[in-house]
C-alpha cells in the first residue's frame, strides 16, 4: 500500500523466481522512482526482507523465502 493524493492505494505486483548467468549491469527504472536494481541470492533476499515494508513481510510469515522450482 502507498499513499497517493491523500488516498491509500494497493499496488498490484507480481513476483517471480528468476535465475540468470547475466553478469552485466542492471538498469533501474528511474522514472518509477527505482534507483537501485540488483540480483540477490536467498540469504541476501532474506536479509533485505528484515527491513521491508510490513505489507511485504506479511507475504512471508515465517520470515524466510522458500524458493521452489516448477
Protein backbone atom coordinates (compact mmCIF):
# COMPACT_ATOMS: atom_id res chain seq x y z
CA UNK A 1 0.00 0.00 0.00
CA UNK A 2 1.08 3.54 -0.61
CA UNK A 3 -0.38 6.99 -0.20
CA UNK A 4 -1.20 8.97 -3.33
CA UNK A 5 -3.10 12.28 -3.22
CA UNK A 6 -4.25 11.62 0.37
CA UNK A 7 -5.70 8.21 -0.53
CA UNK A 8 -4.29 4.78 0.25
CA UNK A 9 -3.68 2.68 -2.84
CA UNK A 10 -2.88 -1.00 -3.15
CA UNK A 11 -0.33 -1.62 -5.89
CA UNK A 12 -0.69 -4.95 -7.66
CA UNK A 13 2.67 -6.67 -8.01
CA UNK A 14 3.79 -9.98 -9.49
CA UNK A 15 6.73 -11.90 -8.05
CA UNK A 16 8.82 -14.42 -9.96
CA UNK A 17 11.73 -16.66 -9.13
CA UNK A 18 14.40 -15.90 -11.73
CA UNK A 19 17.78 -17.40 -12.44
CA UNK A 20 20.39 -15.99 -14.78
CA UNK A 21 24.03 -16.15 -15.70
CA UNK A 22 23.88 -12.47 -16.77
CA UNK A 23 26.92 -10.58 -15.48
CA UNK A 24 26.11 -7.12 -16.85
CA UNK A 25 24.83 -4.03 -15.06
CA UNK A 26 21.12 -3.91 -14.28
CA UNK A 27 19.32 -0.67 -15.22
CA UNK A 28 16.88 0.67 -12.59
CA UNK A 29 13.67 2.27 -13.88
CA UNK A 30 14.35 5.77 -12.54
CA UNK A 31 11.12 7.28 -13.86
CA UNK A 32 9.31 4.91 -11.47
CA UNK A 33 11.44 6.05 -8.53
CA UNK A 34 13.65 2.94 -8.65
CA UNK A 35 17.26 3.97 -8.11
CA UNK A 36 18.89 0.57 -7.47
CA UNK A 37 18.48 -2.73 -9.32
CA UNK A 38 20.40 -5.78 -8.13
CA UNK A 39 20.18 -9.56 -8.01
CA UNK A 40 20.05 -11.13 -4.54
CA UNK A 41 20.75 -14.71 -3.54
CA UNK A 42 18.41 -16.35 -0.99
CA UNK A 43 20.45 -15.26 2.04
CA UNK A 44 20.66 -11.66 0.80
CA UNK A 45 16.94 -11.62 -0.01
CA UNK A 46 16.03 -12.85 3.47
CA UNK A 47 18.24 -10.12 4.98
CA UNK A 48 16.52 -7.49 2.80
CA UNK A 49 13.13 -8.83 3.94
CA UNK A 50 14.02 -7.82 7.52
CA UNK A 51 13.82 -4.13 6.59
CA UNK A 52 10.96 -4.38 4.07
CA UNK A 53 7.58 -2.72 4.39
CA UNK A 54 5.17 -4.57 6.69
CA UNK A 55 2.78 -5.42 3.83
CA UNK A 56 5.68 -7.21 2.07
CA UNK A 57 6.64 -9.05 5.28
CA UNK A 58 3.06 -10.34 5.55
CA UNK A 59 3.71 -12.40 2.40
CA UNK A 60 6.42 -14.31 4.28
CA UNK A 61 5.05 -15.01 7.79
CA UNK A 62 7.99 -17.24 8.80
CA UNK A 63 10.50 -14.58 7.62
CA UNK A 64 12.07 -17.00 5.13
CA UNK A 65 11.90 -17.30 1.39
CA UNK A 66 11.21 -20.84 0.31
CA UNK A 67 12.16 -20.93 -3.35
CA UNK A 68 10.65 -23.79 -5.30
CA UNK A 69 11.28 -24.55 -8.94
CA UNK A 70 8.47 -25.79 -11.14
